[in-house]
Structure formats: C-alpha cells, structure tokens
Protein backbone atom coordinates (compact mmCIF):
# COMPACT_ATOMS: atom_id res chain seq x y z
CA UNK A 1 -2.55 -136.92 197.78
CA UNK A 2 -0.63 -138.54 195.18
CA UNK A 3 -3.15 -140.95 193.72
CA UNK A 4 -5.41 -138.08 193.49
CA UNK A 5 -2.73 -135.84 191.62
CA UNK A 6 -2.30 -138.73 189.19
CA UNK A 7 -6.05 -139.33 188.60
CA UNK A 8 -6.44 -135.65 187.80
CA UNK A 9 -3.35 -135.80 185.08
CA UNK A 10 -4.87 -138.60 183.60
CA UNK A 11 -8.35 -137.26 183.04
CA UNK A 12 -6.80 -133.94 181.94
CA UNK A 13 -4.73 -136.13 179.45
CA UNK A 14 -7.84 -138.00 178.39
CA UNK A 15 -9.58 -134.61 177.70
CA UNK A 16 -6.45 -133.28 175.55
CA UNK A 17 -6.79 -136.30 173.68
CA UNK A 18 -10.62 -135.69 173.01
CA UNK A 19 -10.08 -132.34 172.08
CA UNK A 20 -7.36 -132.98 169.50
CA UNK A 21 -9.41 -135.67 168.04
CA UNK A 22 -12.26 -133.01 167.48
CA UNK A 23 -9.60 -130.94 165.66
CA UNK A 24 -7.82 -133.64 163.83
CA UNK A 25 -11.55 -134.63 162.42
CA UNK A 26 -12.48 -130.93 161.56
CA UNK A 27 -9.19 -130.53 159.66
CA UNK A 28 -9.19 -133.62 157.78
CA UNK A 29 -12.99 -132.91 156.78
CA UNK A 30 -11.87 -129.48 155.41
CA UNK A 31 -8.63 -130.96 153.74
CA UNK A 32 -10.75 -133.48 152.02
CA UNK A 33 -13.56 -131.06 150.67
CA UNK A 34 -10.48 -128.69 149.27
CA UNK A 35 -9.00 -131.70 147.32
CA UNK A 36 -12.49 -132.53 145.89
CA UNK A 37 -13.22 -128.79 144.66
CA UNK A 38 -9.82 -128.97 143.01
CA UNK A 39 -10.19 -132.58 141.50
CA UNK A 40 -11.79 -133.05 138.22
CA UNK A 41 -15.53 -133.93 138.18
CA UNK A 42 -15.36 -137.81 138.08
CA UNK A 43 -12.71 -138.13 140.52
CA UNK A 44 -13.79 -135.80 143.39
CA UNK A 45 -15.11 -138.57 145.39
CA UNK A 46 -12.02 -140.40 145.36
CA UNK A 47 -9.59 -137.44 145.81
CA UNK A 48 -11.71 -136.23 148.67
CA UNK A 49 -11.53 -139.65 150.65
CA UNK A 50 -7.37 -139.97 149.85
CA UNK A 51 -6.84 -136.25 151.06
CA UNK A 52 -9.17 -136.91 154.30
CA UNK A 53 -7.05 -139.92 155.18
CA UNK A 54 -3.63 -138.52 154.39
CA UNK A 55 -4.55 -135.41 156.89
CA UNK A 56 -5.06 -138.20 159.47
CA UNK A 57 -2.01 -139.40 161.75
CA UNK A 58 -1.68 -143.24 161.79
CA UNK A 59 -2.62 -143.58 165.47
CA UNK A 60 -6.01 -142.58 164.62
CA UNK A 61 -8.46 -144.67 163.02
CA UNK A 62 -11.52 -143.55 161.46
CA UNK A 63 -13.48 -143.36 158.22
CA UNK A 64 -13.71 -140.56 155.36
CA UNK A 65 -17.02 -140.51 153.59
CA UNK A 66 -17.32 -137.70 151.07
CA UNK A 67 -20.53 -137.19 148.66
CA UNK A 68 -20.99 -134.87 145.23
CA UNK A 69 -24.14 -133.70 143.86
CA UNK A 70 -26.16 -130.27 143.04
CA UNK A 71 -22.76 -128.51 142.84
CA UNK A 72 -21.65 -129.07 146.72
CA UNK A 73 -19.07 -131.55 147.84
CA UNK A 74 -19.40 -132.65 151.65
CA UNK A 75 -17.10 -135.01 153.55
CA UNK A 76 -17.64 -136.45 156.95
CA UNK A 77 -14.80 -137.98 159.20
CA UNK A 78 -15.83 -140.13 161.76
CA UNK A 79 -12.43 -140.72 164.37
CA UNK A 80 -12.36 -143.07 167.33
CA UNK A 81 -11.16 -141.47 170.50
CA UNK A 82 -8.25 -143.26 171.93
CA UNK A 83 -8.13 -144.15 175.73
CA UNK A 84 -4.90 -142.57 176.98
CA UNK A 85 -2.62 -143.81 174.10
CA UNK A 86 -3.21 -143.32 170.55
CA UNK A 87 -3.16 -146.37 168.43
CA UNK A 88 -4.33 -148.72 171.28
CA UNK A 89 -7.65 -149.02 172.49
CA UNK A 90 -10.35 -146.49 171.49
CA UNK A 91 -13.91 -145.61 173.49
CA UNK A 92 -16.92 -146.92 171.89
CA UNK A 93 -18.25 -143.52 170.59
CA UNK A 94 -16.77 -141.53 167.54
CA UNK A 95 -15.75 -137.95 166.96
CA UNK A 96 -17.49 -136.36 163.69
CA UNK A 97 -15.96 -133.44 161.41
CA UNK A 98 -18.30 -132.04 158.68
CA UNK A 99 -17.02 -129.75 155.99
CA UNK A 100 -18.73 -128.61 152.55
CA UNK A 101 -17.65 -126.29 149.80
CA UNK A 102 -19.02 -125.41 146.15
CA UNK A 103 -17.62 -127.28 143.36
CA UNK A 104 -15.33 -125.26 141.00
CA UNK A 105 -15.97 -125.06 137.34
CA UNK A 106 -13.22 -125.97 135.24
CA UNK A 107 -13.33 -123.74 132.18
C-alpha cells in the first residue's frame, strides 16, 4: 500500500507544478504587457521582455516574446514544466501564457 500512496503523492505534486507553471506564465505575460504599455514608444519591447523575465522565479526557465504594432502590445511567455523539482530537468513540452493590451498615448 505504501508504494501506491507514494506514487499518488508524486503524481499530485507533478500536477501542482504543472498548474503553478500555467499560473506563472499567465502572470508573467500580464506583467510584461503592463510594463510595455507604460513605457515610452521606442522602449516598449525591451521593457516588456525585462518585466516578463523579472516575474519568473529562477527555477523556471523560459522565454518572453513581445510585439508592438497597430496600437496593441502582446506578450507570449513560454515556460518549461519541471519534473518533480523546479530548477532541475524539465518535460519536453512548454506551457504558454499570452496577454495583450492597448498602447497608452503619452500627451
């Protein structure tokens, strides 16, 4: 019975990590877009990428891609899902977060 309980706990922990990775990706995308809309027009993409990376814990590896155009800022965050312990190995698939907002005009 003990091995069955341990396997169940490991699987539950892995699902928690998967859910937390989805939460991190969404939050990082939201924060990246928020920072980009408040930045000067020429600095939006750099501010977006920096803010997105700042919101990720060091144990989660991934990328932040930002785009501006047409009065709209978008951010895509791609994170690797860790296997059991964040910062070690990761599954061969990624979790994606996406956010967008209208650019603010500076008067």
